[in-house]
Every structure is written in structure tokens, then in C-alpha cells.
PDB file of N, CA and C in Angstrom:
ATOM      1  N   MET A   1      20.309  -3.755  -2.324  1.00  0.00           N
ATOM      2  CA  MET A   1      19.805  -5.029  -2.797  1.00  0.00           C
ATOM      3  C   MET A   1      19.693  -4.991  -4.315  1.00  0.00           C
ATOM      4  N   ASP A   2      20.426  -5.849  -4.983  1.00  0.00           N
ATOM      5  CA  ASP A   2      20.412  -5.863  -6.432  1.00  0.00           C
ATOM      6  C   ASP A   2      19.309  -6.738  -7.004  1.00  0.00           C
ATOM      7  N   LYS A   3      18.803  -7.648  -6.226  1.00  0.00           N
ATOM      8  CA  LYS A   3      17.790  -8.554  -6.760  1.00  0.00           C
ATOM      9  C   LYS A   3      16.398  -7.945  -6.651  1.00  0.00           C
ATOM     10  N   PHE A   4      15.474  -8.551  -7.378  1.00  0.00           N
ATOM     11  CA  PHE A   4      14.075  -8.133  -7.379  1.00  0.00           C
ATOM     12  C   PHE A   4      13.471  -8.389  -6.009  1.00  0.00           C
ATOM     13  N   ALA A   5      12.852  -7.390  -5.448  1.00  0.00           N
ATOM     14  CA  ALA A   5      12.208  -7.535  -4.139  1.00  0.00           C
ATOM     15  C   ALA A   5      10.710  -7.729  -4.350  1.00  0.00           C
ATOM     16  N   TRP A   6      10.226  -8.903  -4.012  1.00  0.00           N
ATOM     17  CA  TRP A   6       8.806  -9.185  -4.203  1.00  0.00           C
ATOM     18  C   TRP A   6       7.938  -8.296  -3.329  1.00  0.00           C
ATOM     19  N   GLN A   7       8.508  -7.756  -2.249  1.00  0.00           N
ATOM     20  CA  GLN A   7       7.756  -6.850  -1.384  1.00  0.00           C
ATOM     21  C   GLN A   7       7.335  -5.593  -2.142  1.00  0.00           C
ATOM     22  N   ASP A   8       8.166  -5.132  -3.047  1.00  0.00           N
ATOM     23  CA  ASP A   8       7.837  -3.958  -3.851  1.00  0.00           C
ATOM     24  C   ASP A   8       6.662  -4.250  -4.779  1.00  0.00           C
ATOM     25  N   ALA A   9       6.644  -5.459  -5.337  1.00  0.00           N
ATOM     26  CA  ALA A   9       5.537  -5.854  -6.205  1.00  0.00           C
ATOM     27  C   ALA A   9       4.232  -5.936  -5.414  1.00  0.00           C
ATOM     28  N   VAL A  10       4.300  -6.429  -4.182  1.00  0.00           N
ATOM     29  CA  VAL A  10       3.107  -6.502  -3.336  1.00  0.00           C
ATOM     30  C   VAL A  10       2.586  -5.099  -3.050  1.00  0.00           C
ATOM     31  N   ALA A  11       3.475  -4.162  -2.748  1.00  0.00           N
ATOM     32  CA  ALA A  11       3.063  -2.779  -2.493  1.00  0.00           C
ATOM     33  C   ALA A  11       2.401  -2.182  -3.736  1.00  0.00           C
ATOM     34  N   PHE A  12       2.967  -2.434  -4.897  1.00  0.00           N
ATOM     35  CA  PHE A  12       2.405  -1.913  -6.148  1.00  0.00           C
ATOM     36  C   PHE A  12       1.011  -2.486  -6.403  1.00  0.00           C
ATOM     37  N   VAL A  13       0.856  -3.792  -6.277  1.00  0.00           N
ATOM     38  CA  VAL A  13      -0.431  -4.444  -6.537  1.00  0.00           C
ATOM     39  C   VAL A  13      -1.474  -4.025  -5.504  1.00  0.00           C
ATOM     40  N   ALA A  14      -1.084  -3.932  -4.236  1.00  0.00           N
ATOM     41  CA  ALA A  14      -2.024  -3.495  -3.199  1.00  0.00           C
ATOM     42  C   ALA A  14      -2.467  -2.058  -3.446  1.00  0.00           C
ATOM     43  N   GLY A  15      -1.542  -1.217  -3.876  1.00  0.00           N
ATOM     44  CA  GLY A  15      -1.900   0.160  -4.216  1.00  0.00           C
ATOM     45  C   GLY A  15      -2.860   0.225  -5.388  1.00  0.00           C
ATOM     46  N   LEU A  16      -2.616  -0.597  -6.408  1.00  0.00           N
ATOM     47  CA  LEU A  16      -3.533  -0.642  -7.543  1.00  0.00           C
ATOM     48  C   LEU A  16      -4.916  -1.142  -7.128  1.00  0.00           C
ATOM     49  N   ALA A  17      -4.958  -2.136  -6.251  1.00  0.00           N
ATOM     50  CA  ALA A  17      -6.245  -2.655  -5.786  1.00  0.00           C
ATOM     51  C   ALA A  17      -7.035  -1.568  -5.059  1.00  0.00           C
ATOM     52  N   ALA A  18      -6.360  -0.816  -4.195  1.00  0.00           N
ATOM     53  CA  ALA A  18      -7.040   0.266  -3.478  1.00  0.00           C
ATOM     54  C   ALA A  18      -7.446   1.382  -4.438  1.00  0.00           C
ATOM     55  N   LEU A  19      -6.599   1.685  -5.391  1.00  0.00           N
ATOM     56  CA  LEU A  19      -6.878   2.740  -6.361  1.00  0.00           C
ATOM     57  C   LEU A  19      -8.093   2.406  -7.226  1.00  0.00           C
ATOM     58  N   LEU A  20      -8.186   1.172  -7.675  1.00  0.00           N
ATOM     59  CA  LEU A  20      -9.248   0.774  -8.595  1.00  0.00           C
ATOM     60  C   LEU A  20     -10.521   0.289  -7.902  1.00  0.00           C
ATOM     61  N   ALA A  21     -10.453   0.011  -6.620  1.00  0.00           N
ATOM     62  CA  ALA A  21     -11.606  -0.541  -5.891  1.00  0.00           C
ATOM     63  C   ALA A  21     -12.880   0.290  -6.014  1.00  0.00           C
ATOM     64  N   PRO A  22     -12.835   1.613  -5.857  1.00  0.00           N
ATOM     65  CA  PRO A  22     -14.085   2.377  -5.950  1.00  0.00           C
ATOM     66  C   PRO A  22     -14.770   2.242  -7.302  1.00  0.00           C
ATOM     67  N   GLU A  23     -14.010   2.035  -8.357  1.00  0.00           N
ATOM     68  CA  GLU A  23     -14.597   1.886  -9.684  1.00  0.00           C
ATOM     69  C   GLU A  23     -15.086   0.471  -9.946  1.00  0.00           C
ATOM     70  N   LEU A  24     -14.471  -0.510  -9.299  1.00  0.00           N
ATOM     71  CA  LEU A  24     -14.761  -1.896  -9.639  1.00  0.00           C
ATOM     72  C   LEU A  24     -15.765  -2.582  -8.711  1.00  0.00           C
ATOM     73  N   TRP A  25     -15.609  -2.403  -7.369  1.00  0.00           N
ATOM     74  CA  TRP A  25     -16.470  -3.207  -6.507  1.00  0.00           C
ATOM     75  C   TRP A  25     -16.963  -2.529  -5.235  1.00  0.00           C
ATOM     76  N   THR A  26     -16.654  -1.283  -4.997  1.00  0.00           N
ATOM     77  CA  THR A  26     -17.113  -0.673  -3.749  1.00  0.00           C
ATOM     78  C   THR A  26     -18.231   0.339  -3.945  1.00  0.00           C
ATOM     79  N   ASP A  27     -18.777   0.450  -5.125  1.00  0.00           N
ATOM     80  CA  ASP A  27     -19.876   1.386  -5.418  1.00  0.00           C
ATOM     81  C   ASP A  27     -19.553   2.819  -5.023  1.00  0.00           C
ATOM     82  N   GLY A  28     -18.284   3.188  -5.088  1.00  0.00           N
ATOM     83  CA  GLY A  28     -17.890   4.566  -4.820  1.00  0.00           C
ATOM     84  C   GLY A  28     -17.712   4.919  -3.356  1.00  0.00           C
ATOM     85  N   HIS A  29     -17.987   3.995  -2.440  1.00  0.00           N
ATOM     86  CA  HIS A  29     -17.809   4.292  -1.017  1.00  0.00           C
ATOM     87  C   HIS A  29     -16.325   4.308  -0.679  1.00  0.00           C
ATOM     88  N   GLY A  30     -15.910   5.303   0.093  1.00  0.00           N
ATOM     89  CA  GLY A  30     -14.502   5.451   0.435  1.00  0.00           C
ATOM     90  C   GLY A  30     -13.648   5.824  -0.754  1.00  0.00           C
ATOM     91  N   GLU A  31     -14.280   6.441  -1.744  1.00  0.00           N
ATOM     92  CA  GLU A  31     -13.617   6.699  -3.013  1.00  0.00           C
ATOM     93  C   GLU A  31     -12.355   7.549  -2.872  1.00  0.00           C
ATOM     94  N   GLN A  32     -12.461   8.707  -2.252  1.00  0.00           N
ATOM     95  CA  GLN A  32     -11.313   9.612  -2.209  1.00  0.00           C
ATOM     96  C   GLN A  32     -10.131   9.042  -1.428  1.00  0.00           C
ATOM     97  N   PRO A  33     -10.321   8.569  -0.198  1.00  0.00           N
ATOM     98  CA  PRO A  33      -9.134   8.052   0.503  1.00  0.00           C
ATOM     99  C   PRO A  33      -8.529   6.823  -0.170  1.00  0.00           C
ATOM    100  N   LEU A  34      -9.363   5.917  -0.670  1.00  0.00           N
ATOM    101  CA  LEU A  34      -8.817   4.729  -1.315  1.00  0.00           C
ATOM    102  C   LEU A  34      -8.068   5.084  -2.589  1.00  0.00           C
ATOM    103  N   MET A  35      -8.616   5.992  -3.374  1.00  0.00           N
ATOM    104  CA  MET A  35      -7.961   6.339  -4.634  1.00  0.00           C
ATOM    105  C   MET A  35      -6.666   7.119  -4.409  1.00  0.00           C
ATOM    106  N   VAL A  36      -6.693   8.090  -3.514  1.00  0.00           N
ATOM    107  CA  VAL A  36      -5.496   8.901  -3.275  1.00  0.00           C
ATOM    108  C   VAL A  36      -4.398   8.080  -2.621  1.00  0.00           C
ATOM    109  N   LEU A  37      -4.732   7.382  -1.529  1.00  0.00           N
ATOM    110  CA  LEU A  37      -3.719   6.589  -0.835  1.00  0.00           C
ATOM    111  C   LEU A  37      -3.275   5.396  -1.678  1.00  0.00           C
ATOM    112  N   GLY A  38      -4.207   4.815  -2.442  1.00  0.00           N
ATOM    113  CA  GLY A  38      -3.830   3.722  -3.336  1.00  0.00           C
ATOM    114  C   GLY A  38      -2.860   4.180  -4.408  1.00  0.00           C
ATOM    115  N   ALA A  39      -3.106   5.357  -4.967  1.00  0.00           N
ATOM    116  CA  ALA A  39      -2.190   5.895  -5.984  1.00  0.00           C
ATOM    117  C   ALA A  39      -0.809   6.153  -5.384  1.00  0.00           C
ATOM    118  N   LEU A  40      -0.770   6.695  -4.175  1.00  0.00           N
ATOM    119  CA  LEU A  40       0.519   6.959  -3.526  1.00  0.00           C
ATOM    120  C   LEU A  40       1.273   5.660  -3.247  1.00  0.00           C
ATOM    121  N   LEU A  41       0.545   4.638  -2.766  1.00  0.00           N
ATOM    122  CA  LEU A  41       1.190   3.349  -2.502  1.00  0.00           C
ATOM    123  C   LEU A  41       1.660   2.702  -3.798  1.00  0.00           C
ATOM    124  N   ALA A  42       0.836   2.746  -4.833  1.00  0.00           N
ATOM    125  CA  ALA A  42       1.226   2.161  -6.118  1.00  0.00           C
ATOM    126  C   ALA A  42       2.457   2.871  -6.686  1.00  0.00           C
ATOM    127  N   LEU A  43       2.508   4.183  -6.584  1.00  0.00           N
ATOM    128  CA  LEU A  43       3.683   4.925  -7.072  1.00  0.00           C
ATOM    129  C   LEU A  43       4.935   4.586  -6.271  1.00  0.00           C
ATOM    130  N   ALA A  44       4.791   4.491  -4.959  1.00  0.00           N
ATOM    131  CA  ALA A  44       5.946   4.138  -4.126  1.00  0.00           C
ATOM    132  C   ALA A  44       6.437   2.736  -4.481  1.00  0.00           C
ATOM    133  N   GLY A  45       5.501   1.805  -4.700  1.00  0.00           N
ATOM    134  CA  GLY A  45       5.886   0.456  -5.103  1.00  0.00           C
ATOM    135  C   GLY A  45       6.529   0.430  -6.473  1.00  0.00           C
ATOM    136  N   LEU A  46       6.008   1.225  -7.393  1.00  0.00           N
ATOM    137  CA  LEU A  46       6.578   1.294  -8.736  1.00  0.00           C
ATOM    138  C   LEU A  46       7.988   1.877  -8.719  1.00  0.00           C
ATOM    139  N   TYR A  47       8.179   2.944  -7.951  1.00  0.00           N
ATOM    140  CA  TYR A  47       9.529   3.511  -7.821  1.00  0.00           C
ATOM    141  C   TYR A  47      10.497   2.464  -7.292  1.00  0.00           C
ATOM    142  N   ALA A  48      10.041   1.702  -6.290  1.00  0.00           N
ATOM    143  CA  ALA A  48      10.909   0.678  -5.725  1.00  0.00           C
ATOM    144  C   ALA A  48      11.191  -0.434  -6.735  1.00  0.00           C
ATOM    145  N   LEU A  49      10.162  -0.839  -7.500  1.00  0.00           N
ATOM    146  CA  LEU A  49      10.362  -1.878  -8.520  1.00  0.00           C
ATOM    147  C   LEU A  49      11.358  -1.442  -9.586  1.00  0.00           C
ATOM    148  N   LEU A  50      11.287  -0.176  -9.962  1.00  0.00           N
ATOM    149  CA  LEU A  50      12.185   0.350 -11.000  1.00  0.00           C
ATOM    150  C   LEU A  50      13.547   0.760 -10.448  1.00  0.00           C
ATOM    151  N   ARG A  51      13.689   0.651  -9.138  1.00  0.00           N
ATOM    152  CA  ARG A  51      14.926   1.063  -8.451  1.00  0.00           C
ATOM    153  C   ARG A  51      15.263   2.521  -8.728  1.00  0.00           C
ATOM    154  N   ALA A  52      14.226   3.329  -8.897  1.00  0.00           N
ATOM    155  CA  ALA A  52      14.413   4.757  -9.130  1.00  0.00           C
ATOM    156  C   ALA A  52      14.612   5.449  -7.785  1.00  0.00           C
ATOM    157  N   PRO A  53      15.357   6.543  -7.777  1.00  0.00           N
ATOM    158  CA  PRO A  53      15.470   7.285  -6.530  1.00  0.00           C
ATOM    159  C   PRO A  53      14.105   7.858  -6.170  1.00  0.00           C
ATOM    160  N   GLY A  54      13.735   7.702  -4.962  1.00  0.00           N
ATOM    161  CA  GLY A  54      12.421   8.176  -4.541  1.00  0.00           C
ATOM    162  C   GLY A  54      12.092   7.643  -3.167  1.00  0.00           C
ATOM    163  N   PRO A  55      10.827   7.321  -2.967  1.00  0.00           N
ATOM    164  CA  PRO A  55      10.401   6.895  -1.635  1.00  0.00           C
ATOM    165  C   PRO A  55      11.101   5.613  -1.197  1.00  0.00           C
ATOM    166  N   SER A  56      11.345   5.528   0.092  1.00  0.00           N
ATOM    167  CA  SER A  56      11.961   4.330   0.648  1.00  0.00           C
ATOM    168  C   SER A  56      10.888   3.293   0.954  1.00  0.00           C
ATOM    169  N   ALA A  57      11.325   2.139   1.392  1.00  0.00           N
ATOM    170  CA  ALA A  57      10.383   1.093   1.794  1.00  0.00           C
ATOM    171  C   ALA A  57       9.531   1.569   2.966  1.00  0.00           C
ATOM    172  N   TRP A  58      10.097   2.414   3.809  1.00  0.00           N
ATOM    173  CA  TRP A  58       9.335   2.936   4.943  1.00  0.00           C
ATOM    174  C   TRP A  58       8.214   3.858   4.473  1.00  0.00           C
ATOM    175  N   THR A  59       8.420   4.579   3.392  1.00  0.00           N
ATOM    176  CA  THR A  59       7.382   5.455   2.851  1.00  0.00           C
ATOM    177  C   THR A  59       6.209   4.637   2.334  1.00  0.00           C
ATOM    178  N   ALA A  60       6.502   3.593   1.585  1.00  0.00           N
ATOM    179  CA  ALA A  60       5.438   2.718   1.088  1.00  0.00           C
ATOM    180  C   ALA A  60       4.694   2.070   2.244  1.00  0.00           C
ATOM    181  N   THR A  61       5.412   1.681   3.268  1.00  0.00           N
ATOM    182  CA  THR A  61       4.780   1.077   4.441  1.00  0.00           C
ATOM    183  C   THR A  61       3.877   2.084   5.145  1.00  0.00           C
ATOM    184  N   ALA A  62       4.288   3.323   5.204  1.00  0.00           N
ATOM    185  CA  ALA A  62       3.448   4.355   5.823  1.00  0.00           C
ATOM    186  C   ALA A  62       2.164   4.561   5.025  1.00  0.00           C
ATOM    187  N   PHE A  63       2.253   4.587   3.702  1.00  0.00           N
ATOM    188  CA  PHE A  63       1.043   4.706   2.874  1.00  0.00           C
ATOM    189  C   PHE A  63       0.129   3.504   3.081  1.00  0.00           C
ATOM    190  N   ALA A  64       0.712   2.312   3.177  1.00  0.00           N
ATOM    191  CA  ALA A  64      -0.080   1.102   3.398  1.00  0.00           C
ATOM    192  C   ALA A  64      -0.797   1.168   4.746  1.00  0.00           C
ATOM    193  N   LEU A  65      -0.109   1.636   5.762  1.00  0.00           N
ATOM    194  CA  LEU A  65      -0.736   1.768   7.083  1.00  0.00           C
ATOM    195  C   LEU A  65      -1.865   2.790   7.050  1.00  0.00           C
ATOM    196  N   LEU A  66      -1.675   3.869   6.311  1.00  0.00           N
ATOM    197  CA  LEU A  66      -2.745   4.865   6.166  1.00  0.00           C
ATOM    198  C   LEU A  66      -3.964   4.281   5.459  1.00  0.00           C
ATOM    199  N   ILE A  67      -3.741   3.429   4.474  1.00  0.00           N
ATOM    200  CA  ILE A  67      -4.862   2.754   3.819  1.00  0.00           C
ATOM    201  C   ILE A  67      -5.584   1.873   4.831  1.00  0.00           C
ATOM    202  N   PHE A  68      -4.832   1.149   5.644  1.00  0.00           N
ATOM    203  CA  PHE A  68      -5.434   0.252   6.636  1.00  0.00           C
ATOM    204  C   PHE A  68      -6.329   0.997   7.622  1.00  0.00           C
ATOM    205  N   VAL A  69      -5.907   2.165   8.085  1.00  0.00           N
ATOM    206  CA  VAL A  69      -6.710   2.908   9.076  1.00  0.00           C
ATOM    207  C   VAL A  69      -7.745   3.826   8.439  1.00  0.00           C
ATOM    208  N   SER A  70      -7.734   3.961   7.122  1.00  0.00           N
ATOM    209  CA  SER A  70      -8.644   4.894   6.466  1.00  0.00           C
ATOM    210  C   SER A  70     -10.132   4.614   6.688  1.00  0.00           C
ATOM    211  N   PRO A  71     -10.608   3.366   6.811  1.00  0.00           N
ATOM    212  CA  PRO A  71     -12.036   3.190   7.076  1.00  0.00           C
ATOM    213  C   PRO A  71     -12.482   3.844   8.387  1.00  0.00           C
ATOM    214  N   TRP A  72     -11.650   3.803   9.399  1.00  0.00           N
ATOM    215  CA  TRP A  72     -11.983   4.459  10.665  1.00  0.00           C
ATOM    216  C   TRP A  72     -11.795   5.969  10.557  1.00  0.00           C
ATOM    217  N   ALA A  73     -10.714   6.375   9.922  1.00  0.00           N
ATOM    218  CA  ALA A  73     -10.410   7.808   9.838  1.00  0.00           C
ATOM    219  C   ALA A  73     -11.413   8.559   8.968  1.00  0.00           C
ATOM    220  N   PHE A  74     -11.911   7.918   7.914  1.00  0.00           N
ATOM    221  CA  PHE A  74     -12.812   8.594   6.989  1.00  0.00           C
ATOM    222  C   PHE A  74     -14.244   8.102   7.077  1.00  0.00           C
ATOM    223  N   GLY A  75     -14.529   7.232   8.032  1.00  0.00           N
ATOM    224  CA  GLY A  75     -15.897   6.840   8.342  1.00  0.00           C
ATOM    225  C   GLY A  75     -16.605   5.990   7.308  1.00  0.00           C
ATOM    226  N   PHE A  76     -15.908   5.047   6.692  1.00  0.00           N
ATOM    227  CA  PHE A  76     -16.617   4.157   5.779  1.00  0.00           C
ATOM    228  C   PHE A  76     -16.542   2.699   6.230  1.00  0.00           C
ATOM    229  N   THR A  77     -16.497   2.476   7.546  1.00  0.00           N
ATOM    230  CA  THR A  77     -16.467   1.110   8.074  1.00  0.00           C
ATOM    231  C   THR A  77     -17.774   0.367   7.829  1.00  0.00           C
ATOM    232  N   SER A  78     -18.868   1.070   7.666  1.00  0.00           N
ATOM    233  CA  SER A  78     -20.153   0.401   7.447  1.00  0.00           C
ATOM    234  C   SER A  78     -20.342  -0.056   6.004  1.00  0.00           C
ATOM    235  N   TYR A  79     -19.462   0.333   5.110  1.00  0.00           N
ATOM    236  CA  TYR A  79     -19.513  -0.107   3.717  1.00  0.00           C
ATOM    237  C   TYR A  79     -18.501  -1.243   3.550  1.00  0.00           C
ATOM    238  N   ASP A  80     -19.022  -2.457   3.636  1.00  0.00           N
ATOM    239  CA  ASP A  80     -18.164  -3.636   3.729  1.00  0.00           C
ATOM    240  C   ASP A  80     -17.115  -3.746   2.634  1.00  0.00           C
ATOM    241  N   ALA A  81     -17.500  -3.578   1.396  1.00  0.00           N
ATOM    242  CA  ALA A  81     -16.546  -3.770   0.296  1.00  0.00           C
ATOM    243  C   ALA A  81     -15.389  -2.776   0.384  1.00  0.00           C
ATOM    244  N   ALA A  82     -15.693  -1.527   0.647  1.00  0.00           N
ATOM    245  CA  ALA A  82     -14.642  -0.505   0.740  1.00  0.00           C
ATOM    246  C   ALA A  82     -13.767  -0.735   1.969  1.00  0.00           C
ATOM    247  N   ALA A  83     -14.401  -1.024   3.098  1.00  0.00           N
ATOM    248  CA  ALA A  83     -13.640  -1.220   4.334  1.00  0.00           C
ATOM    249  C   ALA A  83     -12.741  -2.445   4.242  1.00  0.00           C
ATOM    250  N   TRP A  84     -13.273  -3.563   3.760  1.00  0.00           N
ATOM    251  CA  TRP A  84     -12.462  -4.775   3.665  1.00  0.00           C
ATOM    252  C   TRP A  84     -11.347  -4.622   2.632  1.00  0.00           C
ATOM    253  N   THR A  85     -11.601  -3.891   1.584  1.00  0.00           N
ATOM    254  CA  THR A  85     -10.537  -3.624   0.612  1.00  0.00           C
ATOM    255  C   THR A  85      -9.395  -2.875   1.289  1.00  0.00           C
ATOM    256  N   ALA A  86      -9.736  -1.847   2.050  1.00  0.00           N
ATOM    257  CA  ALA A  86      -8.711  -1.063   2.747  1.00  0.00           C
ATOM    258  C   ALA A  86      -7.975  -1.913   3.779  1.00  0.00           C
ATOM    259  N   TRP A  87      -8.712  -2.706   4.537  1.00  0.00           N
ATOM    260  CA  TRP A  87      -8.076  -3.527   5.578  1.00  0.00           C
ATOM    261  C   TRP A  87      -7.175  -4.595   4.990  1.00  0.00           C
ATOM    262  N   ILE A  88      -7.624  -5.252   3.928  1.00  0.00           N
ATOM    263  CA  ILE A  88      -6.810  -6.325   3.346  1.00  0.00           C
ATOM    264  C   ILE A  88      -5.610  -5.755   2.593  1.00  0.00           C
ATOM    265  N   ALA A  89      -5.864  -4.815   1.682  1.00  0.00           N
ATOM    266  CA  ALA A  89      -4.755  -4.244   0.903  1.00  0.00           C
ATOM    267  C   ALA A  89      -3.762  -3.528   1.815  1.00  0.00           C
ATOM    268  N   GLY A  90      -4.286  -2.714   2.727  1.00  0.00           N
ATOM    269  CA  GLY A  90      -3.402  -1.985   3.635  1.00  0.00           C
ATOM    270  C   GLY A  90      -2.682  -2.890   4.607  1.00  0.00           C
ATOM    271  N   GLY A  91      -3.388  -3.879   5.138  1.00  0.00           N
ATOM    272  CA  GLY A  91      -2.776  -4.794   6.109  1.00  0.00           C
ATOM    273  C   GLY A  91      -1.683  -5.643   5.492  1.00  0.00           C
ATOM    274  N   VAL A  92      -1.967  -6.235   4.339  1.00  0.00           N
ATOM    275  CA  VAL A  92      -0.963  -7.068   3.675  1.00  0.00           C
ATOM    276  C   VAL A  92       0.253  -6.232   3.286  1.00  0.00           C
ATOM    277  N   ALA A  93       0.015  -5.066   2.696  1.00  0.00           N
ATOM    278  CA  ALA A  93       1.135  -4.215   2.281  1.00  0.00           C
ATOM    279  C   ALA A  93       1.925  -3.694   3.475  1.00  0.00           C
ATOM    280  N   THR A  94       1.257  -3.432   4.589  1.00  0.00           N
ATOM    281  CA  THR A  94       1.972  -2.983   5.790  1.00  0.00           C
ATOM    282  C   THR A  94       2.874  -4.090   6.330  1.00  0.00           C
ATOM    283  N   ILE A  95       2.332  -5.295   6.456  1.00  0.00           N
ATOM    284  CA  ILE A  95       3.125  -6.414   6.986  1.00  0.00           C
ATOM    285  C   ILE A  95       4.312  -6.716   6.078  1.00  0.00           C
ATOM    286  N   VAL A  96       4.053  -6.802   4.783  1.00  0.00           N
ATOM    287  CA  VAL A  96       5.126  -7.091   3.827  1.00  0.00           C
ATOM    288  C   VAL A  96       6.126  -5.932   3.782  1.00  0.00           C
ATOM    289  N   GLY A  97       5.625  -4.707   3.865  1.00  0.00           N
ATOM    290  CA  GLY A  97       6.515  -3.546   3.862  1.00  0.00           C
ATOM    291  C   GLY A  97       7.420  -3.499   5.074  1.00  0.00           C
ATOM    292  N   LEU A  98       6.868  -3.805   6.243  1.00  0.00           N
ATOM    293  CA  LEU A  98       7.700  -3.857   7.451  1.00  0.00           C
ATOM    294  C   LEU A  98       8.764  -4.934   7.331  1.00  0.00           C
ATOM    295  N   TRP A  99       8.370  -6.071   6.812  1.00  0.00           N
ATOM    296  CA  TRP A  99       9.318  -7.159   6.623  1.00  0.00           C
ATOM    297  C   TRP A  99      10.425  -6.744   5.651  1.00  0.00           C
ATOM    298  N   GLY A 100      10.049  -6.171   4.511  1.00  0.00           N
ATOM    299  CA  GLY A 100      11.035  -5.748   3.525  1.00  0.00           C
ATOM    300  C   GLY A 100      11.924  -4.630   4.027  1.00  0.00           C
ATOM    301  N   ALA A 101      11.357  -3.675   4.751  1.00  0.00           N
ATOM    302  CA  ALA A 101      12.152  -2.555   5.261  1.00  0.00           C
ATOM    303  C   ALA A 101      13.160  -3.021   6.302  1.00  0.00           C
ATOM    304  N   THR A 102      12.757  -3.964   7.143  1.00  0.00           N
ATOM    305  CA  THR A 102      13.709  -4.464   8.153  1.00  0.00           C
ATOM    306  C   THR A 102      14.771  -5.330   7.502  1.00  0.00           C
ATOM    307  N   GLN A 103      14.415  -6.071   6.442  1.00  0.00           N
ATOM    308  CA  GLN A 103      15.426  -6.845   5.723  1.00  0.00           C
ATOM    309  C   GLN A 103      16.433  -5.924   5.036  1.00  0.00           C
ATOM    310  N   ALA A 104      15.929  -4.861   4.425  1.00  0.00           N
ATOM    311  CA  ALA A 104      16.816  -3.901   3.750  1.00  0.00           C
ATOM    312  C   ALA A 104      17.742  -3.245   4.767  1.00  0.00           C
ATOM    313  N   ARG A 105      17.210  -2.949   5.927  1.00  0.00           N
ATOM    314  CA  ARG A 105      18.025  -2.341   6.987  1.00  0.00           C
ATOM    315  C   ARG A 105      19.084  -3.315   7.466  1.00  0.00           C
ATOM    316  N   GLY A 106      18.710  -4.594   7.577  1.00  0.00           N
ATOM    317  CA  GLY A 106      19.655  -5.615   8.022  1.00  0.00           C
ATOM    318  C   GLY A 106      20.781  -5.839   7.031  1.00  0.00           C
ATOM    319  N   THR A 107      20.483  -5.795   5.735  1.00  0.00           N
ATOM    320  CA  THR A 107      21.530  -5.986   4.738  1.00  0.00           C
ATOM    321  C   THR A 107      22.407  -4.757   4.601  1.00  0.00           C
ATOM    322  N   ALA A 108      21.875  -3.587   4.944  1.00  0.00           N
ATOM    323  CA  ALA A 108      22.668  -2.357   4.852  1.00  0.00           C
ATOM    324  C   ALA A 108      23.699  -2.284   5.958  1.00  0.00           C
ATOM    325  N   THR A 109      23.424  -2.934   7.096  1.00  0.00           N
ATOM    326  CA  THR A 109      24.354  -2.854   8.221  1.00  0.00           C
ATOM    327  C   THR A 109      25.393  -3.947   8.189  1.00  0.00           C
ATOM    328  N   THR A 110      25.211  -4.962   7.311  1.00  0.00           N
ATOM    329  CA  THR A 110      26.194  -6.045   7.264  1.00  0.00           C
ATOM    330  C   THR A 110      27.193  -5.854   6.168  1.00  0.00           C
TER     331      THR A 110
END
């Protein structure tokens, strides 16, 4: 795909939101999983935006899914700001990532 993929921008922004959330609005709850997984998602989105060799759309989608399940996996569901940040950022990036990855797969086979 030679054109700009808005799905990559969504992955980058969602990763940045998860990365910065503990400092901005979650009072440090869920800090480590949100920051680590957010950084990984933001990097995967950035690589895709720059069209650099690196993670595929499926990799970014996997990081987004990990962000989505992190409140349950790391036990911060009772901290609303952190949990909702993970669910929204991870959920949106997962849905958009799945859509973009299947579109990329469809164009590769035609």
C-alpha cells in the first residue's frame, strides 16, 4: 500500500494515549502495563507510518489487544481512569488494526 494508512495513525495515537495516561489522568494506577504496552503500540504505529521495515499491522494489533486486556491481567479494573483508558485505547486500536490488517492482506492477494 503506497498511500497513507489512517489505521497506522490511530495505532500511534492510541499508543501515545496509553503511554502518557499514568502521568496525565490516571494518578499512576496501571502505570507499568499502560506505559510499556503503550510505548510498544506507539512504536509499532510509528514504524508503520514511516513505512520502515519492522512490525506488521498484526503486531500493532496484538499490542492493542494486550492493552485492552491489561486491566484484568494486571488487576487495575477498580481504578476507573486507568481501566477505561486501556479499554478505549486498546479496543479502538484493536478494531482498527484488525480492519487495516485484513485490508492489507486483501490487497496483497489481488
